[in-house]
Amino acid sequence: MGAAPEFSLQDHHGDPATLAGLKGRIWVADFIFTRCGGACPAMTARMSRLRHDVPDEVAFVSFTVDPANDTPEVLARYAANFKSDARWRFVTGRRTDLYALSTDGFKLAAMEVPAAQQRPGEGDGPFLHSSKFVLVDRFGEIRGYYDSTDEDDVKKLALDIARVQNDSPS
């Protein structure tokens, strides 16, 4: 499905977060924001449960689509609420970099919804983003997209993680 995009951002501890830092690891990515009133809390809870269903060497990266609000400190509090561990990083950076990472790199939707088009109580809030989980193998190749709102799709993700563990480079 293509190579995972390069990125150089910052995690919820203030440490660099890069594609190179994930080299050799299988990882799962998603795009969220901490003020989300819709899909994000459910996505993050499902990601939290998924960690317990896959081997410990699998990493997780949650990229924010709201970097103006989601500073490393805000992301650290959010991560703590979901009992994240050392293998799950919440990542922020420049808005243009994060949106390009989502749309150009991972081919997923990410955009700010203009204030005039926002409807209080409807949707996720001021941002539109994909609710997909993305599986990346240890060679940096995107191996699949999974609907985080579909329990069967998340189970398929766990099975695919087990399958790609035994893959060798193409």
N, C-alpha and C. Protein backbone atom coordinates (compact mmCIF):
# COMPACT_ATOMS: atom_id res chain seq x y z
N MET A 1 0.82 -1.20 0.00
CA MET A 1 0.00 0.00 0.00
C MET A 1 0.85 1.25 0.00
N GLY A 2 2.15 1.08 -0.03
CA GLY A 2 3.06 2.21 -0.05
C GLY A 2 3.84 2.34 1.24
N ALA A 3 4.84 3.17 1.17
CA ALA A 3 5.70 3.40 2.34
C ALA A 3 5.07 4.39 3.30
N ALA A 4 5.31 4.17 4.57
CA ALA A 4 4.87 5.15 5.57
C ALA A 4 5.65 6.44 5.34
N PRO A 5 5.00 7.58 5.51
CA PRO A 5 5.65 8.86 5.24
C PRO A 5 6.68 9.23 6.32
N GLU A 6 7.69 9.94 5.89
CA GLU A 6 8.68 10.48 6.83
C GLU A 6 8.00 11.53 7.70
N PHE A 7 8.44 11.62 8.95
CA PHE A 7 7.98 12.70 9.82
C PHE A 7 9.02 12.96 10.89
N SER A 8 9.03 14.19 11.37
CA SER A 8 9.90 14.60 12.46
C SER A 8 9.07 15.52 13.35
N LEU A 9 8.52 14.96 14.41
CA LEU A 9 7.60 15.67 15.29
C LEU A 9 8.06 15.54 16.73
N GLN A 10 7.14 15.75 17.67
CA GLN A 10 7.47 15.69 19.10
C GLN A 10 6.39 14.90 19.82
N ASP A 11 6.82 14.04 20.77
CA ASP A 11 5.83 13.24 21.49
C ASP A 11 5.38 13.91 22.79
N HIS A 12 4.52 13.24 23.50
CA HIS A 12 3.92 13.79 24.72
C HIS A 12 4.91 13.93 25.88
N HIS A 13 6.12 13.43 25.71
CA HIS A 13 7.18 13.64 26.70
C HIS A 13 8.10 14.77 26.28
N GLY A 14 7.87 15.33 25.09
CA GLY A 14 8.75 16.36 24.56
C GLY A 14 9.92 15.80 23.79
N ASP A 15 9.92 14.49 23.57
CA ASP A 15 11.01 13.82 22.85
C ASP A 15 10.72 13.80 21.35
N PRO A 16 11.78 13.73 20.54
CA PRO A 16 11.57 13.63 19.09
C PRO A 16 10.80 12.35 18.74
N ALA A 17 9.91 12.47 17.78
CA ALA A 17 9.16 11.34 17.25
C ALA A 17 9.37 11.35 15.74
N THR A 18 10.01 10.29 15.23
CA THR A 18 10.34 10.22 13.81
C THR A 18 10.02 8.84 13.25
N LEU A 19 9.90 8.79 11.94
CA LEU A 19 9.73 7.50 11.29
C LEU A 19 10.96 6.63 11.53
N ALA A 20 12.13 7.24 11.47
CA ALA A 20 13.37 6.48 11.69
C ALA A 20 13.38 5.83 13.08
N GLY A 21 12.78 6.49 14.06
CA GLY A 21 12.73 5.94 15.42
C GLY A 21 11.84 4.71 15.53
N LEU A 22 11.01 4.46 14.53
CA LEU A 22 10.13 3.30 14.52
C LEU A 22 10.67 2.18 13.64
N LYS A 23 11.81 2.43 13.02
CA LYS A 23 12.40 1.42 12.12
C LYS A 23 12.59 0.09 12.85
N GLY A 24 12.18 -0.97 12.19
CA GLY A 24 12.32 -2.30 12.77
C GLY A 24 11.16 -2.71 13.66
N ARG A 25 10.18 -1.83 13.84
CA ARG A 25 9.02 -2.14 14.68
C ARG A 25 7.75 -2.15 13.85
N ILE A 26 6.83 -3.02 14.21
CA ILE A 26 5.47 -2.97 13.69
C ILE A 26 4.76 -1.90 14.52
N TRP A 27 3.97 -1.06 13.86
CA TRP A 27 3.26 -0.03 14.61
C TRP A 27 1.90 0.28 14.01
N VAL A 28 1.05 0.85 14.87
CA VAL A 28 -0.30 1.22 14.49
C VAL A 28 -0.44 2.72 14.72
N ALA A 29 -0.96 3.43 13.71
CA ALA A 29 -1.15 4.88 13.80
C ALA A 29 -2.62 5.23 13.76
N ASP A 30 -2.94 6.37 14.36
CA ASP A 30 -4.25 6.99 14.20
C ASP A 30 -4.11 8.49 14.36
N PHE A 31 -5.18 9.21 14.04
CA PHE A 31 -5.21 10.67 14.14
C PHE A 31 -6.38 11.05 15.03
N ILE A 32 -6.09 11.82 16.08
CA ILE A 32 -7.09 12.18 17.08
C ILE A 32 -6.87 13.64 17.51
N PHE A 33 -7.70 14.14 18.37
CA PHE A 33 -7.41 15.38 19.10
C PHE A 33 -8.11 15.33 20.45
N THR A 34 -7.49 15.95 21.43
CA THR A 34 -7.92 15.76 22.82
C THR A 34 -9.25 16.43 23.16
N ARG A 35 -9.65 17.46 22.41
CA ARG A 35 -10.92 18.15 22.68
C ARG A 35 -12.09 17.52 21.94
N CYS A 36 -11.84 16.44 21.24
CA CYS A 36 -12.84 15.78 20.41
C CYS A 36 -14.00 15.29 21.28
N GLY A 37 -15.21 15.57 20.80
CA GLY A 37 -16.40 15.11 21.51
C GLY A 37 -17.06 13.93 20.85
N GLY A 38 -16.44 13.39 19.80
CA GLY A 38 -17.07 12.30 19.05
C GLY A 38 -16.21 11.06 19.01
N ALA A 39 -15.59 10.84 17.87
CA ALA A 39 -14.89 9.58 17.61
C ALA A 39 -13.61 9.39 18.41
N CYS A 40 -12.90 10.46 18.73
CA CYS A 40 -11.56 10.31 19.31
C CYS A 40 -11.51 9.54 20.64
N PRO A 41 -12.36 9.86 21.61
CA PRO A 41 -12.29 9.08 22.85
C PRO A 41 -12.55 7.59 22.61
N ALA A 42 -13.47 7.27 21.72
CA ALA A 42 -13.75 5.86 21.41
C ALA A 42 -12.56 5.23 20.69
N MET A 43 -11.96 5.97 19.75
CA MET A 43 -10.78 5.45 19.05
C MET A 43 -9.65 5.17 20.03
N THR A 44 -9.42 6.12 20.93
CA THR A 44 -8.32 5.99 21.88
C THR A 44 -8.58 4.84 22.85
N ALA A 45 -9.81 4.67 23.28
CA ALA A 45 -10.15 3.54 24.16
C ALA A 45 -9.95 2.22 23.43
N ARG A 46 -10.33 2.17 22.17
CA ARG A 46 -10.16 0.94 21.39
C ARG A 46 -8.67 0.66 21.17
N MET A 47 -7.88 1.70 20.92
CA MET A 47 -6.43 1.53 20.76
C MET A 47 -5.83 1.01 22.07
N SER A 48 -6.31 1.53 23.18
CA SER A 48 -5.84 1.08 24.49
C SER A 48 -6.10 -0.41 24.68
N ARG A 49 -7.29 -0.86 24.31
CA ARG A 49 -7.62 -2.29 24.43
C ARG A 49 -6.79 -3.13 23.46
N LEU A 50 -6.57 -2.61 22.26
CA LEU A 50 -5.79 -3.34 21.26
C LEU A 50 -4.39 -3.65 21.76
N ARG A 51 -3.80 -2.73 22.52
CA ARG A 51 -2.44 -2.96 23.05
C ARG A 51 -2.34 -4.27 23.82
N HIS A 52 -3.42 -4.66 24.46
CA HIS A 52 -3.41 -5.88 25.28
C HIS A 52 -3.62 -7.14 24.45
N ASP A 53 -3.99 -6.98 23.18
CA ASP A 53 -4.28 -8.12 22.31
C ASP A 53 -3.16 -8.43 21.33
N VAL A 54 -2.09 -7.65 21.39
CA VAL A 54 -0.98 -7.83 20.44
C VAL A 54 0.33 -7.93 21.21
N PRO A 55 1.37 -8.46 20.57
CA PRO A 55 2.67 -8.59 21.25
C PRO A 55 3.22 -7.26 21.75
N ASP A 56 4.00 -7.33 22.80
CA ASP A 56 4.55 -6.14 23.43
C ASP A 56 5.48 -5.33 22.54
N GLU A 57 6.04 -5.93 21.51
CA GLU A 57 6.95 -5.18 20.65
C GLU A 57 6.23 -4.27 19.65
N VAL A 58 4.92 -4.37 19.55
CA VAL A 58 4.15 -3.50 18.65
C VAL A 58 4.03 -2.12 19.29
N ALA A 59 4.30 -1.08 18.48
CA ALA A 59 4.22 0.30 18.95
C ALA A 59 2.92 0.94 18.46
N PHE A 60 2.55 2.04 19.10
CA PHE A 60 1.34 2.78 18.76
C PHE A 60 1.68 4.26 18.71
N VAL A 61 1.15 4.95 17.70
CA VAL A 61 1.39 6.38 17.54
C VAL A 61 0.07 7.06 17.25
N SER A 62 -0.33 7.96 18.14
CA SER A 62 -1.54 8.76 17.94
C SER A 62 -1.09 10.18 17.63
N PHE A 63 -1.38 10.61 16.39
CA PHE A 63 -1.01 11.95 15.94
C PHE A 63 -2.20 12.89 16.19
N THR A 64 -1.94 14.08 16.70
CA THR A 64 -3.02 15.05 16.87
C THR A 64 -3.29 15.79 15.56
N VAL A 65 -4.53 16.22 15.38
CA VAL A 65 -4.88 17.12 14.28
C VAL A 65 -5.17 18.52 14.83
N ASP A 66 -4.91 18.72 16.11
CA ASP A 66 -5.16 20.00 16.78
C ASP A 66 -3.91 20.45 17.55
N PRO A 67 -2.80 20.67 16.85
CA PRO A 67 -1.56 20.98 17.55
C PRO A 67 -1.58 22.32 18.30
N ALA A 68 -2.47 23.25 17.92
CA ALA A 68 -2.55 24.52 18.65
C ALA A 68 -2.96 24.29 20.09
N ASN A 69 -3.82 23.31 20.32
CA ASN A 69 -4.25 22.96 21.67
C ASN A 69 -3.44 21.80 22.25
N ASP A 70 -3.14 20.82 21.42
CA ASP A 70 -2.55 19.57 21.91
C ASP A 70 -1.02 19.68 22.00
N THR A 71 -0.59 20.40 23.01
CA THR A 71 0.84 20.52 23.33
C THR A 71 1.31 19.20 23.95
N PRO A 72 2.61 19.02 24.09
CA PRO A 72 3.06 17.80 24.77
C PRO A 72 2.45 17.63 26.16
N GLU A 73 2.26 18.71 26.88
CA GLU A 73 1.68 18.63 28.23
C GLU A 73 0.22 18.16 28.18
N VAL A 74 -0.55 18.71 27.25
CA VAL A 74 -1.95 18.32 27.10
C VAL A 74 -2.03 16.85 26.66
N LEU A 75 -1.18 16.48 25.71
CA LEU A 75 -1.16 15.08 25.25
C LEU A 75 -0.74 14.13 26.37
N ALA A 76 0.18 14.56 27.23
CA ALA A 76 0.61 13.70 28.35
C ALA A 76 -0.55 13.43 29.30
N ARG A 77 -1.36 14.45 29.57
CA ARG A 77 -2.53 14.24 30.44
C ARG A 77 -3.53 13.30 29.76
N TYR A 78 -3.74 13.50 28.48
CA TYR A 78 -4.66 12.64 27.72
C TYR A 78 -4.16 11.19 27.72
N ALA A 79 -2.86 11.03 27.48
CA ALA A 79 -2.26 9.69 27.48
C ALA A 79 -2.44 9.01 28.84
N ALA A 80 -2.25 9.77 29.91
CA ALA A 80 -2.40 9.21 31.26
C ALA A 80 -3.84 8.77 31.51
N ASN A 81 -4.80 9.51 30.98
CA ASN A 81 -6.22 9.14 31.14
C ASN A 81 -6.53 7.78 30.52
N PHE A 82 -5.76 7.42 29.49
CA PHE A 82 -5.97 6.14 28.81
C PHE A 82 -4.91 5.11 29.19
N LYS A 83 -4.18 5.40 30.27
CA LYS A 83 -3.18 4.47 30.81
C LYS A 83 -2.20 4.01 29.74
N SER A 84 -1.70 4.97 28.95
CA SER A 84 -0.73 4.61 27.92
C SER A 84 0.55 4.12 28.58
N ASP A 85 1.32 3.38 27.82
CA ASP A 85 2.59 2.87 28.32
C ASP A 85 3.71 3.36 27.40
N ALA A 86 4.91 2.88 27.62
CA ALA A 86 6.08 3.37 26.88
C ALA A 86 6.00 3.09 25.38
N ARG A 87 5.20 2.14 24.97
CA ARG A 87 5.14 1.83 23.54
C ARG A 87 4.07 2.62 22.79
N TRP A 88 3.34 3.50 23.48
CA TRP A 88 2.30 4.31 22.86
C TRP A 88 2.66 5.78 23.00
N ARG A 89 2.87 6.43 21.85
CA ARG A 89 3.27 7.83 21.84
C ARG A 89 2.16 8.69 21.25
N PHE A 90 1.93 9.82 21.87
CA PHE A 90 0.99 10.81 21.38
C PHE A 90 1.83 11.95 20.83
N VAL A 91 1.60 12.30 19.56
CA VAL A 91 2.55 13.13 18.83
C VAL A 91 1.92 14.41 18.32
N THR A 92 2.68 15.49 18.41
CA THR A 92 2.26 16.80 17.94
C THR A 92 3.38 17.44 17.13
N GLY A 93 3.08 18.57 16.54
CA GLY A 93 4.06 19.29 15.74
C GLY A 93 3.37 20.46 15.06
N ARG A 94 3.93 20.89 13.97
CA ARG A 94 3.32 21.98 13.21
C ARG A 94 2.07 21.47 12.48
N ARG A 95 1.03 22.29 12.48
CA ARG A 95 -0.24 21.92 11.85
C ARG A 95 -0.04 21.49 10.40
N THR A 96 0.73 22.26 9.64
CA THR A 96 0.93 21.92 8.22
C THR A 96 1.61 20.56 8.07
N ASP A 97 2.55 20.26 8.95
CA ASP A 97 3.24 18.97 8.90
C ASP A 97 2.29 17.82 9.23
N LEU A 98 1.47 18.00 10.26
CA LEU A 98 0.54 16.95 10.67
C LEU A 98 -0.55 16.70 9.62
N TYR A 99 -1.07 17.77 9.03
CA TYR A 99 -2.10 17.60 8.01
C TYR A 99 -1.52 16.95 6.76
N ALA A 100 -0.31 17.36 6.37
CA ALA A 100 0.35 16.73 5.22
C ALA A 100 0.63 15.26 5.50
N LEU A 101 1.03 14.95 6.72
CA LEU A 101 1.28 13.57 7.11
C LEU A 101 0.02 12.73 6.95
N SER A 102 -1.10 13.27 7.41
CA SER A 102 -2.37 12.55 7.31
C SER A 102 -2.84 12.44 5.86
N THR A 103 -2.94 13.57 5.17
CA THR A 103 -3.56 13.57 3.84
C THR A 103 -2.63 13.07 2.75
N ASP A 104 -1.41 13.58 2.70
CA ASP A 104 -0.48 13.20 1.64
C ASP A 104 0.24 11.89 1.95
N GLY A 105 0.61 11.72 3.21
CA GLY A 105 1.40 10.55 3.60
C GLY A 105 0.57 9.29 3.80
N PHE A 106 -0.40 9.38 4.70
CA PHE A 106 -1.23 8.21 5.01
C PHE A 106 -2.50 8.13 4.17
N LYS A 107 -2.76 9.17 3.36
CA LYS A 107 -3.95 9.22 2.49
C LYS A 107 -5.26 9.17 3.29
N LEU A 108 -5.26 9.89 4.43
CA LEU A 108 -6.43 9.97 5.30
C LEU A 108 -6.90 11.41 5.41
N ALA A 109 -8.18 11.60 5.62
CA ALA A 109 -8.74 12.94 5.76
C ALA A 109 -8.22 13.63 7.02
N ALA A 110 -7.99 14.92 6.91
CA ALA A 110 -7.66 15.78 8.05
C ALA A 110 -7.85 17.22 7.61
N MET A 111 -8.74 17.92 8.30
CA MET A 111 -8.94 19.33 7.97
C MET A 111 -9.64 20.03 9.11
N GLU A 112 -9.42 21.32 9.18
CA GLU A 112 -10.13 22.14 10.14
C GLU A 112 -11.47 22.52 9.53
N VAL A 113 -12.52 22.41 10.32
CA VAL A 113 -13.86 22.78 9.86
C VAL A 113 -14.05 24.27 10.16
N PRO A 114 -14.36 25.07 9.14
CA PRO A 114 -14.57 26.50 9.38
C PRO A 114 -15.66 26.71 10.42
N ALA A 115 -15.50 27.73 11.24
CA ALA A 115 -16.44 28.00 12.34
C ALA A 115 -17.88 28.11 11.85
N ALA A 116 -18.08 28.71 10.69
CA ALA A 116 -19.44 28.87 10.15
C ALA A 116 -20.10 27.54 9.81
N GLN A 117 -19.30 26.49 9.59
CA GLN A 117 -19.84 25.18 9.23
C GLN A 117 -19.96 24.23 10.42
N GLN A 118 -19.47 24.66 11.58
CA GLN A 118 -19.56 23.80 12.76
C GLN A 118 -20.96 23.89 13.35
N ARG A 119 -21.47 22.74 13.77
CA ARG A 119 -22.78 22.69 14.41
C ARG A 119 -22.61 22.16 15.82
N PRO A 120 -22.84 23.01 16.83
CA PRO A 120 -22.68 22.56 18.22
C PRO A 120 -23.47 21.28 18.50
N GLY A 121 -22.82 20.35 19.16
CA GLY A 121 -23.47 19.10 19.51
C GLY A 121 -23.47 18.05 18.41
N GLU A 122 -22.94 18.41 17.23
CA GLU A 122 -22.88 17.47 16.12
C GLU A 122 -21.43 17.27 15.70
N GLY A 123 -21.08 16.07 15.37
CA GLY A 123 -19.73 15.78 14.88
C GLY A 123 -18.69 15.82 15.98
N ASP A 124 -17.44 15.84 15.55
CA ASP A 124 -16.32 15.79 16.47
C ASP A 124 -15.91 17.16 16.99
N GLY A 125 -16.39 18.23 16.40
CA GLY A 125 -15.97 19.56 16.81
C GLY A 125 -15.31 20.28 15.65
N PRO A 126 -14.25 21.04 15.94
CA PRO A 126 -13.66 21.91 14.92
C PRO A 126 -12.75 21.20 13.91
N PHE A 127 -12.62 19.89 13.98
CA PHE A 127 -11.73 19.18 13.07
C PHE A 127 -12.41 17.96 12.48
N LEU A 128 -12.11 17.72 11.21
CA LEU A 128 -12.56 16.52 10.53
C LEU A 128 -11.33 15.66 10.30
N HIS A 129 -11.41 14.40 10.67
CA HIS A 129 -10.28 13.50 10.48
C HIS A 129 -10.78 12.07 10.34
N SER A 130 -9.93 11.23 9.84
CA SER A 130 -10.27 9.82 9.64
C SER A 130 -10.35 9.09 10.98
N SER A 131 -11.21 8.09 11.04
CA SER A 131 -11.28 7.22 12.22
C SER A 131 -10.62 5.87 11.94
N LYS A 132 -9.72 5.84 10.98
CA LYS A 132 -9.01 4.61 10.62
C LYS A 132 -7.77 4.41 11.49
N PHE A 133 -7.47 3.14 11.76
CA PHE A 133 -6.17 2.75 12.28
C PHE A 133 -5.35 2.30 11.08
N VAL A 134 -4.05 2.56 11.12
CA VAL A 134 -3.16 2.21 10.02
C VAL A 134 -2.07 1.28 10.56
N LEU A 135 -1.91 0.13 9.91
CA LEU A 135 -0.87 -0.83 10.29
C LEU A 135 0.36 -0.61 9.41
N VAL A 136 1.51 -0.43 10.06
CA VAL A 136 2.78 -0.27 9.37
C VAL A 136 3.70 -1.40 9.81
N ASP A 137 4.31 -2.07 8.85
CA ASP A 137 5.19 -3.20 9.20
C ASP A 137 6.58 -2.70 9.59
N ARG A 138 7.44 -3.63 10.01
CA ARG A 138 8.77 -3.26 10.50
C ARG A 138 9.67 -2.73 9.40
N PHE A 139 9.26 -2.84 8.14
CA PHE A 139 10.03 -2.33 7.02
C PHE A 139 9.53 -0.96 6.56
N GLY A 140 8.56 -0.41 7.31
CA GLY A 140 8.04 0.92 7.01
C GLY A 140 6.98 0.93 5.93
N GLU A 141 6.40 -0.22 5.62
CA GLU A 141 5.35 -0.31 4.60
C GLU A 141 3.97 -0.32 5.25
N ILE A 142 3.07 0.47 4.69
CA ILE A 142 1.68 0.46 5.16
C ILE A 142 1.05 -0.85 4.70
N ARG A 143 0.50 -1.60 5.66
CA ARG A 143 -0.04 -2.92 5.36
C ARG A 143 -1.56 -2.98 5.40
N GLY A 144 -2.20 -1.96 5.97
CA GLY A 144 -3.65 -1.99 5.99
C GLY A 144 -4.26 -0.82 6.72
N TYR A 145 -5.53 -0.58 6.40
CA TYR A 145 -6.35 0.44 7.05
C TYR A 145 -7.54 -0.27 7.68
N TYR A 146 -7.90 0.13 8.89
CA TYR A 146 -8.92 -0.57 9.65
C TYR A 146 -9.86 0.44 10.29
N ASP A 147 -11.15 0.20 10.17
CA ASP A 147 -12.16 1.08 10.73
C ASP A 147 -12.17 0.90 12.26
N SER A 148 -11.77 1.94 12.97
CA SER A 148 -11.68 1.85 14.42
C SER A 148 -13.05 1.73 15.08
N THR A 149 -14.12 2.02 14.35
CA THR A 149 -15.46 1.93 14.92
C THR A 149 -16.09 0.55 14.72
N ASP A 150 -15.39 -0.33 14.03
CA ASP A 150 -15.90 -1.66 13.71
C ASP A 150 -15.08 -2.71 14.47
N GLU A 151 -15.70 -3.33 15.45
CA GLU A 151 -14.98 -4.30 16.31
C GLU A 151 -14.37 -5.44 15.49
N ASP A 152 -15.08 -5.90 14.46
CA ASP A 152 -14.54 -6.98 13.62
C ASP A 152 -13.29 -6.51 12.87
N ASP A 153 -13.29 -5.27 12.42
CA ASP A 153 -12.13 -4.73 11.71
C ASP A 153 -10.93 -4.60 12.66
N VAL A 154 -11.18 -4.23 13.90
CA VAL A 154 -10.09 -4.13 14.88
C VAL A 154 -9.55 -5.53 15.21
N LYS A 155 -10.42 -6.52 15.25
CA LYS A 155 -9.95 -7.90 15.45
C LYS A 155 -9.11 -8.35 14.26
N LYS A 156 -9.50 -7.95 13.05
CA LYS A 156 -8.72 -8.26 11.85
C LYS A 156 -7.35 -7.60 11.93
N LEU A 157 -7.30 -6.38 12.45
CA LEU A 157 -6.02 -5.69 12.64
C LEU A 157 -5.11 -6.50 13.56
N ALA A 158 -5.64 -6.98 14.66
CA ALA A 158 -4.83 -7.80 15.58
C ALA A 158 -4.31 -9.06 14.89
N LEU A 159 -5.15 -9.69 14.08
CA LEU A 159 -4.72 -10.88 13.32
C LEU A 159 -3.66 -10.52 12.29
N ASP A 160 -3.83 -9.39 11.62
CA ASP A 160 -2.85 -8.96 10.62
C ASP A 160 -1.51 -8.61 11.25
N ILE A 161 -1.53 -8.07 12.46
CA ILE A 161 -0.28 -7.79 13.18
C ILE A 161 0.48 -9.11 13.38
N ALA A 162 -0.23 -10.13 13.82
CA ALA A 162 0.41 -11.44 14.01
C ALA A 162 0.97 -11.97 12.70
N ARG A 163 0.23 -11.76 11.61
CA ARG A 163 0.68 -12.24 10.30
C ARG A 163 1.94 -11.51 9.84
N VAL A 164 1.98 -10.19 9.99
CA VAL A 164 3.14 -9.45 9.47
C VAL A 164 4.39 -9.61 10.33
N GLN A 165 4.23 -10.13 11.54
CA GLN A 165 5.39 -10.37 12.40
C GLN A 165 6.36 -11.34 11.73
N ASN A 166 5.86 -12.24 10.92
CA ASN A 166 6.70 -13.27 10.30
C ASN A 166 7.14 -12.92 8.89
N ASP A 167 6.76 -11.74 8.41
CA ASP A 167 7.14 -11.35 7.04
C ASP A 167 8.62 -11.01 6.95
N SER A 168 9.17 -11.24 5.78
CA SER A 168 10.53 -10.80 5.48
C SER A 168 10.45 -9.69 4.44
N PRO A 169 11.52 -8.92 4.26
CA PRO A 169 11.44 -7.80 3.32
C PRO A 169 11.10 -8.26 1.91
N SER A 170 10.38 -7.39 1.17
CA SER A 170 10.00 -7.72 -0.20
C SER A 170 11.20 -7.64 -1.11
